[in-house]
PDB file of N, CA and C in Angstrom:
ATOM      1  N   UNK A   1     -41.906 -26.629  69.072  1.00  0.00           N
ATOM      2  CA  UNK A   1     -40.438 -26.783  69.443  1.00  0.00           C
ATOM      3  C   UNK A   1     -39.667 -25.941  68.530  1.00  0.00           C
ATOM      4  N   UNK A   2     -38.838 -25.102  69.049  1.00  0.00           N
ATOM      5  CA  UNK A   2     -38.041 -24.154  68.050  1.00  0.00           C
ATOM      6  C   UNK A   2     -36.715 -24.922  67.707  1.00  0.00           C
ATOM      7  N   UNK A   3     -35.919 -24.401  66.868  1.00  0.00           N
ATOM      8  CA  UNK A   3     -34.775 -25.056  66.290  1.00  0.00           C
ATOM      9  C   UNK A   3     -33.800 -25.346  67.441  1.00  0.00           C
ATOM     10  N   UNK A   4     -33.617 -24.376  68.310  1.00  0.00           N
ATOM     11  CA  UNK A   4     -32.634 -24.597  69.391  1.00  0.00           C
ATOM     12  C   UNK A   4     -33.034 -25.866  70.253  1.00  0.00           C
ATOM     13  N   UNK A   5     -34.346 -25.963  70.589  1.00  0.00           N
ATOM     14  CA  UNK A   5     -34.776 -27.176  71.367  1.00  0.00           C
ATOM     15  C   UNK A   5     -34.632 -28.433  70.652  1.00  0.00           C
ATOM     16  N   UNK A   6     -34.874 -28.304  69.345  1.00  0.00           N
ATOM     17  CA  UNK A   6     -34.708 -29.561  68.502  1.00  0.00           C
ATOM     18  C   UNK A   6     -33.243 -29.964  68.524  1.00  0.00           C
ATOM     19  N   UNK A   7     -32.293 -29.018  68.406  1.00  0.00           N
ATOM     20  CA  UNK A   7     -30.883 -29.334  68.377  1.00  0.00           C
ATOM     21  C   UNK A   7     -30.465 -29.883  69.689  1.00  0.00           C
ATOM     22  N   UNK A   8     -31.010 -29.404  70.778  1.00  0.00           N
ATOM     23  CA  UNK A   8     -30.637 -29.878  72.176  1.00  0.00           C
ATOM     24  C   UNK A   8     -31.097 -31.258  72.312  1.00  0.00           C
ATOM     25  N   UNK A   9     -32.345 -31.594  71.788  1.00  0.00           N
ATOM     26  CA  UNK A   9     -32.830 -32.905  71.783  1.00  0.00           C
ATOM     27  C   UNK A   9     -32.100 -33.965  71.039  1.00  0.00           C
ATOM     28  N   UNK A  10     -31.663 -33.470  69.765  1.00  0.00           N
ATOM     29  CA  UNK A  10     -30.885 -34.289  68.929  1.00  0.00           C
ATOM     30  C   UNK A  10     -29.523 -34.579  69.627  1.00  0.00           C
ATOM     31  N   UNK A  11     -28.976 -33.620  70.290  1.00  0.00           N
ATOM     32  CA  UNK A  11     -27.607 -33.754  71.054  1.00  0.00           C
ATOM     33  C   UNK A  11     -27.856 -34.794  72.193  1.00  0.00           C
ATOM     34  N   UNK A  12     -28.978 -34.694  72.932  1.00  0.00           N
ATOM     35  CA  UNK A  12     -29.216 -35.707  73.965  1.00  0.00           C
ATOM     36  C   UNK A  12     -29.369 -37.098  73.450  1.00  0.00           C
ATOM     37  N   UNK A  13     -29.995 -37.176  72.222  1.00  0.00           N
ATOM     38  CA  UNK A  13     -30.212 -38.470  71.660  1.00  0.00           C
ATOM     39  C   UNK A  13     -28.771 -39.025  71.295  1.00  0.00           C
ATOM     40  N   UNK A  14     -27.883 -38.204  70.726  1.00  0.00           N
ATOM     41  CA  UNK A  14     -26.507 -38.847  70.455  1.00  0.00           C
ATOM     42  C   UNK A  14     -25.827 -39.176  71.730  1.00  0.00           C
ATOM     43  N   UNK A  15     -25.949 -38.341  72.756  1.00  0.00           N
ATOM     44  CA  UNK A  15     -25.287 -38.643  74.041  1.00  0.00           C
ATOM     45  C   UNK A  15     -25.781 -40.073  74.663  1.00  0.00           C
ATOM     46  N   UNK A  16     -27.043 -40.266  74.322  1.00  0.00           N
ATOM     47  CA  UNK A  16     -27.679 -41.491  74.856  1.00  0.00           C
ATOM     48  C   UNK A  16     -27.363 -42.690  73.871  1.00  0.00           C
ATOM     49  N   UNK A  17     -26.641 -42.406  72.854  1.00  0.00           N
ATOM     50  CA  UNK A  17     -26.164 -43.505  71.930  1.00  0.00           C
ATOM     51  C   UNK A  17     -27.065 -43.822  70.725  1.00  0.00           C
ATOM     52  N   UNK A  18     -28.048 -42.786  70.440  1.00  0.00           N
ATOM     53  CA  UNK A  18     -28.829 -43.023  69.295  1.00  0.00           C
ATOM     54  C   UNK A  18     -28.307 -42.193  68.113  1.00  0.00           C
ATOM     55  N   UNK A  19     -28.359 -42.748  66.947  1.00  0.00           N
ATOM     56  CA  UNK A  19     -27.907 -41.910  65.724  1.00  0.00           C
ATOM     57  C   UNK A  19     -29.091 -41.208  65.192  1.00  0.00           C
ATOM     58  N   UNK A  20     -30.335 -41.507  65.583  1.00  0.00           N
ATOM     59  CA  UNK A  20     -31.472 -40.747  64.946  1.00  0.00           C
ATOM     60  C   UNK A  20     -32.353 -40.407  66.167  1.00  0.00           C
ATOM     61  N   UNK A  21     -32.606 -39.142  66.250  1.00  0.00           N
ATOM     62  CA  UNK A  21     -33.412 -38.527  67.357  1.00  0.00           C
ATOM     63  C   UNK A  21     -34.805 -39.152  67.295  1.00  0.00           C
ATOM     64  N   UNK A  22     -35.358 -39.508  66.175  1.00  0.00           N
ATOM     65  CA  UNK A  22     -36.658 -40.162  66.214  1.00  0.00           C
ATOM     66  C   UNK A  22     -36.653 -41.568  66.878  1.00  0.00           C
ATOM     67  N   UNK A  23     -35.533 -42.335  66.702  1.00  0.00           N
ATOM     68  CA  UNK A  23     -35.468 -43.475  67.447  1.00  0.00           C
ATOM     69  C   UNK A  23     -35.431 -43.282  69.024  1.00  0.00           C
ATOM     70  N   UNK A  24     -34.728 -42.196  69.321  1.00  0.00           N
ATOM     71  CA  UNK A  24     -34.570 -41.862  70.760  1.00  0.00           C
ATOM     72  C   UNK A  24     -35.986 -41.572  71.316  1.00  0.00           C
ATOM     73  N   UNK A  25     -36.742 -40.772  70.578  1.00  0.00           N
ATOM     74  CA  UNK A  25     -38.183 -40.493  70.820  1.00  0.00           C
ATOM     75  C   UNK A  25     -39.002 -41.731  71.037  1.00  0.00           C
ATOM     76  N   UNK A  26     -38.898 -42.599  70.111  1.00  0.00           N
ATOM     77  CA  UNK A  26     -39.596 -43.869  70.133  1.00  0.00           C
ATOM     78  C   UNK A  26     -39.227 -44.738  71.388  1.00  0.00           C
ATOM     79  N   UNK A  27     -37.909 -44.681  71.717  1.00  0.00           N
ATOM     80  CA  UNK A  27     -37.437 -45.414  72.798  1.00  0.00           C
ATOM     81  C   UNK A  27     -38.251 -44.858  74.164  1.00  0.00           C
ATOM     82  N   UNK A  28     -38.453 -43.645  74.231  1.00  0.00           N
ATOM     83  CA  UNK A  28     -39.226 -43.114  75.314  1.00  0.00           C
ATOM     84  C   UNK A  28     -40.650 -43.663  75.275  1.00  0.00           C
ATOM     85  N   UNK A  29     -41.280 -43.650  74.102  1.00  0.00           N
ATOM     86  CA  UNK A  29     -42.587 -43.991  73.939  1.00  0.00           C
ATOM     87  C   UNK A  29     -42.744 -45.530  74.395  1.00  0.00           C
ATOM     88  N   UNK A  30     -41.847 -46.324  74.005  1.00  0.00           N
ATOM     89  CA  UNK A  30     -41.925 -47.715  74.288  1.00  0.00           C
ATOM     90  C   UNK A  30     -41.259 -48.104  75.580  1.00  0.00           C
ATOM     91  N   UNK A  31     -40.865 -47.117  76.430  1.00  0.00           N
ATOM     92  CA  UNK A  31     -40.256 -47.455  77.694  1.00  0.00           C
ATOM     93  C   UNK A  31     -38.764 -47.993  77.695  1.00  0.00           C
ATOM     94  N   UNK A  32     -38.185 -47.764  76.574  1.00  0.00           N
ATOM     95  CA  UNK A  32     -36.763 -48.314  76.432  1.00  0.00           C
ATOM     96  C   UNK A  32     -35.686 -47.349  76.782  1.00  0.00           C
ATOM     97  N   UNK A  33     -36.118 -46.152  77.233  1.00  0.00           N
ATOM     98  CA  UNK A  33     -35.182 -45.109  77.675  1.00  0.00           C
ATOM     99  C   UNK A  33     -35.696 -44.387  78.851  1.00  0.00           C
ATOM    100  N   UNK A  34     -34.915 -43.980  79.807  1.00  0.00           N
ATOM    101  CA  UNK A  34     -35.428 -43.345  80.959  1.00  0.00           C
ATOM    102  C   UNK A  34     -35.322 -41.849  80.750  1.00  0.00           C
ATOM    103  N   UNK A  35     -36.168 -41.067  81.401  1.00  0.00           N
ATOM    104  CA  UNK A  35     -36.179 -39.590  81.343  1.00  0.00           C
ATOM    105  C   UNK A  35     -35.443 -39.075  82.529  1.00  0.00           C
ATOM    106  N   UNK A  36     -34.458 -38.227  82.273  1.00  0.00           N
ATOM    107  CA  UNK A  36     -33.776 -37.543  83.419  1.00  0.00           C
ATOM    108  C   UNK A  36     -34.681 -36.387  83.830  1.00  0.00           C
ATOM    109  N   UNK A  37     -34.415 -35.828  85.032  1.00  0.00           N
ATOM    110  CA  UNK A  37     -35.204 -34.766  85.541  1.00  0.00           C
ATOM    111  C   UNK A  37     -35.169 -33.517  84.517  1.00  0.00           C
ATOM    112  N   UNK A  38     -34.117 -33.259  83.796  1.00  0.00           N
ATOM    113  CA  UNK A  38     -34.074 -32.252  82.857  1.00  0.00           C
ATOM    114  C   UNK A  38     -34.956 -32.490  81.752  1.00  0.00           C
ATOM    115  N   UNK A  39     -34.855 -33.837  81.192  1.00  0.00           N
ATOM    116  CA  UNK A  39     -35.692 -34.125  80.108  1.00  0.00           C
ATOM    117  C   UNK A  39     -37.161 -34.063  80.324  1.00  0.00           C
ATOM    118  N   UNK A  40     -37.533 -34.414  81.574  1.00  0.00           N
ATOM    119  CA  UNK A  40     -38.952 -34.234  82.021  1.00  0.00           C
ATOM    120  C   UNK A  40     -39.363 -32.815  81.957  1.00  0.00           C
ATOM    121  N   UNK A  41     -38.518 -31.951  82.471  1.00  0.00           N
ATOM    122  CA  UNK A  41     -38.796 -30.493  82.549  1.00  0.00           C
ATOM    123  C   UNK A  41     -38.985 -29.939  81.100  1.00  0.00           C
ATOM    124  N   UNK A  42     -38.053 -30.373  80.145  1.00  0.00           N
ATOM    125  CA  UNK A  42     -38.131 -29.957  78.803  1.00  0.00           C
ATOM    126  C   UNK A  42     -39.467 -30.482  78.122  1.00  0.00           C
ATOM    127  N   UNK A  43     -39.809 -31.722  78.395  1.00  0.00           N
ATOM    128  CA  UNK A  43     -40.984 -32.293  77.826  1.00  0.00           C
ATOM    129  C   UNK A  43     -42.358 -31.478  78.317  1.00  0.00           C
ATOM    130  N   UNK A  44     -42.215 -31.130  79.537  1.00  0.00           N
ATOM    131  CA  UNK A  44     -43.362 -30.286  80.075  1.00  0.00           C
ATOM    132  C   UNK A  44     -43.536 -29.039  79.419  1.00  0.00           C
ATOM    133  N   UNK A  45     -42.376 -28.394  79.089  1.00  0.00           N
ATOM    134  CA  UNK A  45     -42.430 -27.108  78.443  1.00  0.00           C
ATOM    135  C   UNK A  45     -42.868 -27.346  77.000  1.00  0.00           C
ATOM    136  N   UNK A  46     -42.355 -28.354  76.381  1.00  0.00           N
ATOM    137  CA  UNK A  46     -42.778 -28.608  74.969  1.00  0.00           C
ATOM    138  C   UNK A  46     -44.228 -28.946  74.875  1.00  0.00           C
ATOM    139  N   UNK A  47     -44.777 -29.767  75.871  1.00  0.00           N
ATOM    140  CA  UNK A  47     -46.132 -30.038  75.920  1.00  0.00           C
ATOM    141  C   UNK A  47     -47.042 -28.782  76.064  1.00  0.00           C
ATOM    142  N   UNK A  48     -46.589 -27.907  76.875  1.00  0.00           N
ATOM    143  CA  UNK A  48     -47.307 -26.639  77.078  1.00  0.00           C
ATOM    144  C   UNK A  48     -47.335 -25.850  75.848  1.00  0.00           C
ATOM    145  N   UNK A  49     -46.292 -25.776  75.121  1.00  0.00           N
ATOM    146  CA  UNK A  49     -46.142 -25.058  73.879  1.00  0.00           C
ATOM    147  C   UNK A  49     -47.013 -25.640  72.753  1.00  0.00           C
ATOM    148  N   UNK A  50     -47.021 -27.082  72.697  1.00  0.00           N
ATOM    149  CA  UNK A  50     -47.942 -27.709  71.704  1.00  0.00           C
ATOM    150  C   UNK A  50     -49.297 -27.388  72.062  1.00  0.00           C
ATOM    151  N   UNK A  51     -49.644 -27.315  73.339  1.00  0.00           N
ATOM    152  CA  UNK A  51     -51.042 -26.972  73.642  1.00  0.00           C
ATOM    153  C   UNK A  51     -51.400 -25.548  73.173  1.00  0.00           C
ATOM    154  N   UNK A  52     -50.494 -24.626  73.268  1.00  0.00           N
ATOM    155  CA  UNK A  52     -50.684 -23.301  72.698  1.00  0.00           C
ATOM    156  C   UNK A  52     -50.962 -23.268  71.268  1.00  0.00           C
ATOM    157  N   UNK A  53     -50.044 -24.078  70.550  1.00  0.00           N
ATOM    158  CA  UNK A  53     -50.129 -24.106  69.158  1.00  0.00           C
ATOM    159  C   UNK A  53     -51.442 -24.794  68.693  1.00  0.00           C
ATOM    160  N   UNK A  54     -51.832 -25.887  69.377  1.00  0.00           N
ATOM    161  CA  UNK A  54     -53.050 -26.549  69.030  1.00  0.00           C
ATOM    162  C   UNK A  54     -54.242 -25.605  69.221  1.00  0.00           C
ATOM    163  N   UNK A  55     -54.224 -24.785  70.275  1.00  0.00           N
ATOM    164  CA  UNK A  55     -55.239 -23.839  70.451  1.00  0.00           C
ATOM    165  C   UNK A  55     -55.351 -22.749  69.386  1.00  0.00           C
ATOM    166  N   UNK A  56     -54.123 -22.333  68.996  1.00  0.00           N
ATOM    167  CA  UNK A  56     -54.160 -21.359  67.887  1.00  0.00           C
ATOM    168  C   UNK A  56     -54.735 -21.998  66.577  1.00  0.00           C
ATOM    169  N   UNK A  57     -54.282 -23.177  66.285  1.00  0.00           N
ATOM    170  CA  UNK A  57     -54.797 -23.882  65.158  1.00  0.00           C
ATOM    171  C   UNK A  57     -56.371 -24.121  65.192  1.00  0.00           C
ATOM    172  N   UNK A  58     -56.870 -24.450  66.346  1.00  0.00           N
ATOM    173  CA  UNK A  58     -58.343 -24.549  66.562  1.00  0.00           C
ATOM    174  C   UNK A  58     -58.988 -23.314  66.262  1.00  0.00           C
ATOM    175  N   UNK A  59     -58.551 -22.191  66.840  1.00  0.00           N
ATOM    176  CA  UNK A  59     -59.035 -20.858  66.711  1.00  0.00           C
ATOM    177  C   UNK A  59     -59.107 -20.485  65.144  1.00  0.00           C
ATOM    178  N   UNK A  60     -58.007 -20.815  64.536  1.00  0.00           N
ATOM    179  CA  UNK A  60     -57.898 -20.504  63.042  1.00  0.00           C
ATOM    180  C   UNK A  60     -59.058 -21.337  62.242  1.00  0.00           C
ATOM    181  N   UNK A  61     -59.151 -22.542  62.642  1.00  0.00           N
ATOM    182  CA  UNK A  61     -60.108 -23.432  61.903  1.00  0.00           C
ATOM    183  C   UNK A  61     -61.530 -22.959  62.195  1.00  0.00           C
ATOM    184  N   UNK A  62     -61.792 -22.630  63.470  1.00  0.00           N
ATOM    185  CA  UNK A  62     -63.088 -22.114  63.795  1.00  0.00           C
ATOM    186  C   UNK A  62     -63.469 -20.706  63.092  1.00  0.00           C
ATOM    187  N   UNK A  63     -62.477 -19.910  62.969  1.00  0.00           N
ATOM    188  CA  UNK A  63     -62.745 -18.621  62.292  1.00  0.00           C
ATOM    189  C   UNK A  63     -63.103 -18.956  60.824  1.00  0.00           C
ATOM    190  N   UNK A  64     -62.378 -19.858  60.196  1.00  0.00           N
ATOM    191  CA  UNK A  64     -62.599 -20.182  58.820  1.00  0.00           C
ATOM    192  C   UNK A  64     -64.020 -20.762  58.698  1.00  0.00           C
ATOM    193  N   UNK A  65     -64.294 -21.770  59.530  1.00  0.00           N
ATOM    194  CA  UNK A  65     -65.602 -22.496  59.412  1.00  0.00           C
ATOM    195  C   UNK A  65     -66.791 -21.587  59.696  1.00  0.00           C
ATOM    196  N   UNK A  66     -66.494 -20.470  60.526  1.00  0.00           N
ATOM    197  CA  UNK A  66     -67.542 -19.467  60.807  1.00  0.00           C
ATOM    198  C   UNK A  66     -67.665 -18.399  59.754  1.00  0.00           C
ATOM    199  N   UNK A  67     -66.766 -18.394  58.833  1.00  0.00           N
ATOM    200  CA  UNK A  67     -66.827 -17.437  57.796  1.00  0.00           C
ATOM    201  C   UNK A  67     -66.134 -16.100  58.100  1.00  0.00           C
ATOM    202  N   UNK A  68     -65.370 -16.037  59.153  1.00  0.00           N
ATOM    203  CA  UNK A  68     -64.653 -14.734  59.578  1.00  0.00           C
ATOM    204  C   UNK A  68     -63.420 -14.724  58.760  1.00  0.00           C
ATOM    205  N   UNK A  69     -62.743 -15.785  58.259  1.00  0.00           N
ATOM    206  CA  UNK A  69     -61.694 -15.793  57.337  1.00  0.00           C
ATOM    207  C   UNK A  69     -62.173 -16.376  56.038  1.00  0.00           C
ATOM    208  N   UNK A  70     -62.086 -15.627  55.014  1.00  0.00           N
ATOM    209  CA  UNK A  70     -62.568 -16.044  53.724  1.00  0.00           C
ATOM    210  C   UNK A  70     -61.497 -16.219  52.690  1.00  0.00           C
ATOM    211  N   UNK A  71     -60.245 -16.089  53.054  1.00  0.00           N
ATOM    212  CA  UNK A  71     -59.142 -16.149  52.073  1.00  0.00           C
ATOM    213  C   UNK A  71     -58.452 -17.366  52.179  1.00  0.00           C
ATOM    214  N   UNK A  72     -58.948 -18.448  52.846  1.00  0.00           N
ATOM    215  CA  UNK A  72     -58.326 -19.702  53.025  1.00  0.00           C
ATOM    216  C   UNK A  72     -58.743 -20.662  51.916  1.00  0.00           C
ATOM    217  N   UNK A  73     -57.784 -21.299  51.260  1.00  0.00           N
ATOM    218  CA  UNK A  73     -58.221 -22.213  50.186  1.00  0.00           C
ATOM    219  C   UNK A  73     -58.404 -23.656  50.838  1.00  0.00           C
ATOM    220  N   UNK A  74     -58.937 -24.511  50.066  1.00  0.00           N
ATOM    221  CA  UNK A  74     -59.131 -25.916  50.518  1.00  0.00           C
ATOM    222  C   UNK A  74     -57.797 -26.511  50.922  1.00  0.00           C
ATOM    223  N   UNK A  75     -56.759 -26.129  50.156  1.00  0.00           N
ATOM    224  CA  UNK A  75     -55.393 -26.653  50.498  1.00  0.00           C
ATOM    225  C   UNK A  75     -54.946 -26.129  51.840  1.00  0.00           C
ATOM    226  N   UNK A  76     -55.131 -24.827  52.075  1.00  0.00           N
ATOM    227  CA  UNK A  76     -54.825 -24.227  53.398  1.00  0.00           C
ATOM    228  C   UNK A  76     -55.556 -24.921  54.548  1.00  0.00           C
ATOM    229  N   UNK A  77     -56.836 -25.264  54.297  1.00  0.00           N
ATOM    230  CA  UNK A  77     -57.579 -25.956  55.380  1.00  0.00           C
ATOM    231  C   UNK A  77     -57.013 -27.417  55.597  1.00  0.00           C
ATOM    232  N   UNK A  78     -56.626 -28.031  54.510  1.00  0.00           N
ATOM    233  CA  UNK A  78     -56.059 -29.348  54.596  1.00  0.00           C
ATOM    234  C   UNK A  78     -54.825 -29.296  55.440  1.00  0.00           C
ATOM    235  N   UNK A  79     -53.990 -28.328  55.215  1.00  0.00           N
ATOM    236  CA  UNK A  79     -52.629 -28.096  55.911  1.00  0.00           C
ATOM    237  C   UNK A  79     -52.963 -27.849  57.422  1.00  0.00           C
ATOM    238  N   UNK A  80     -53.940 -26.940  57.686  1.00  0.00           N
ATOM    239  CA  UNK A  80     -54.307 -26.582  59.095  1.00  0.00           C
ATOM    240  C   UNK A  80     -54.715 -27.821  59.800  1.00  0.00           C
ATOM    241  N   UNK A  81     -55.654 -28.689  59.163  1.00  0.00           N
ATOM    242  CA  UNK A  81     -56.149 -29.843  59.779  1.00  0.00           C
ATOM    243  C   UNK A  81     -55.040 -30.891  60.027  1.00  0.00           C
ATOM    244  N   UNK A  82     -54.159 -31.077  59.030  1.00  0.00           N
ATOM    245  CA  UNK A  82     -53.016 -32.035  59.128  1.00  0.00           C
ATOM    246  C   UNK A  82     -52.042 -31.499  60.242  1.00  0.00           C
ATOM    247  N   UNK A  83     -51.752 -30.271  60.383  1.00  0.00           N
ATOM    248  CA  UNK A  83     -50.850 -29.697  61.336  1.00  0.00           C
ATOM    249  C   UNK A  83     -51.618 -29.885  62.788  1.00  0.00           C
ATOM    250  N   UNK A  84     -52.782 -29.597  62.912  1.00  0.00           N
ATOM    251  CA  UNK A  84     -53.520 -29.770  64.149  1.00  0.00           C
ATOM    252  C   UNK A  84     -53.438 -31.274  64.579  1.00  0.00           C
ATOM    253  N   UNK A  85     -53.584 -32.223  63.637  1.00  0.00           N
ATOM    254  CA  UNK A  85     -53.494 -33.730  63.915  1.00  0.00           C
ATOM    255  C   UNK A  85     -52.152 -33.980  64.402  1.00  0.00           C
ATOM    256  N   UNK A  86     -51.160 -33.519  63.739  1.00  0.00           N
ATOM    257  CA  UNK A  86     -49.706 -33.605  64.200  1.00  0.00           C
ATOM    258  C   UNK A  86     -49.440 -33.178  65.557  1.00  0.00           C
ATOM    259  N   UNK A  87     -49.994 -31.931  65.843  1.00  0.00           N
ATOM    260  CA  UNK A  87     -49.786 -31.346  67.200  1.00  0.00           C
ATOM    261  C   UNK A  87     -50.440 -32.254  68.190  1.00  0.00           C
ATOM    262  N   UNK A  88     -51.677 -32.699  67.982  1.00  0.00           N
ATOM    263  CA  UNK A  88     -52.361 -33.608  68.915  1.00  0.00           C
ATOM    264  C   UNK A  88     -51.605 -34.931  69.078  1.00  0.00           C
ATOM    265  N   UNK A  89     -51.053 -35.509  67.992  1.00  0.00           N
ATOM    266  CA  UNK A  89     -50.227 -36.699  68.162  1.00  0.00           C
ATOM    267  C   UNK A  89     -49.095 -36.481  68.995  1.00  0.00           C
ATOM    268  N   UNK A  90     -48.283 -35.489  68.641  1.00  0.00           N
ATOM    269  CA  UNK A  90     -47.073 -35.170  69.500  1.00  0.00           C
ATOM    270  C   UNK A  90     -47.401 -34.962  70.912  1.00  0.00           C
ATOM    271  N   UNK A  91     -48.507 -34.262  71.231  1.00  0.00           N
ATOM    272  CA  UNK A  91     -48.906 -34.032  72.588  1.00  0.00           C
ATOM    273  C   UNK A  91     -49.228 -35.356  73.282  1.00  0.00           C
ATOM    274  N   UNK A  92     -49.924 -36.247  72.561  1.00  0.00           N
ATOM    275  CA  UNK A  92     -50.336 -37.635  73.107  1.00  0.00           C
ATOM    276  C   UNK A  92     -49.054 -38.428  73.420  1.00  0.00           C
ATOM    277  N   UNK A  93     -48.079 -38.285  72.517  1.00  0.00           N
ATOM    278  CA  UNK A  93     -46.831 -39.065  72.751  1.00  0.00           C
ATOM    279  C   UNK A  93     -46.095 -38.571  73.967  1.00  0.00           C
ATOM    280  N   UNK A  94     -46.039 -37.193  74.072  1.00  0.00           N
ATOM    281  CA  UNK A  94     -45.402 -36.669  75.314  1.00  0.00           C
ATOM    282  C   UNK A  94     -46.113 -36.978  76.485  1.00  0.00           C
ATOM    283  N   UNK A  95     -47.476 -37.007  76.558  1.00  0.00           N
ATOM    284  CA  UNK A  95     -48.169 -37.397  77.756  1.00  0.00           C
ATOM    285  C   UNK A  95     -47.839 -38.869  78.161  1.00  0.00           C
ATOM    286  N   UNK A  96     -47.589 -39.721  77.162  1.00  0.00           N
ATOM    287  CA  UNK A  96     -47.198 -41.144  77.433  1.00  0.00           C
ATOM    288  C   UNK A  96     -45.829 -41.123  78.090  1.00  0.00           C
ATOM    289  N   UNK A  97     -44.938 -40.362  77.656  1.00  0.00           N
ATOM    290  CA  UNK A  97     -43.559 -40.180  78.198  1.00  0.00           C
ATOM    291  C   UNK A  97     -43.651 -39.746  79.620  1.00  0.00           C
ATOM    292  N   UNK A  98     -44.531 -38.833  79.900  1.00  0.00           N
ATOM    293  CA  UNK A  98     -44.537 -38.169  81.196  1.00  0.00           C
ATOM    294  C   UNK A  98     -45.348 -39.017  82.192  1.00  0.00           C
ATOM    295  N   UNK A  99     -46.072 -39.998  81.723  1.00  0.00           N
ATOM    296  CA  UNK A  99     -46.916 -40.808  82.672  1.00  0.00           C
ATOM    297  C   UNK A  99     -46.012 -41.784  83.599  1.00  0.00           C
TER     298      UNK A  99
END
């Protein structure tokens, strides 16, 4: 999600009466808010982008594990794995919203 998309999501959260966009996101996850057609479209785009980012992170990790990238530190690997987990978690939450 780029900065513009985040700002639009925050604006929609405020329009829906939420002071915190994370609460707005949680309301979707727990079925306490409805998705408008536009929201669904945006979530599908975000889900697609998250899939691309997850794929890129997987490729990076495989390249490091295969020895094709040798300049990565243990801390770099920790960050890559944590980021991949965050992307997978966000994708899972969006799948729930779209179901």
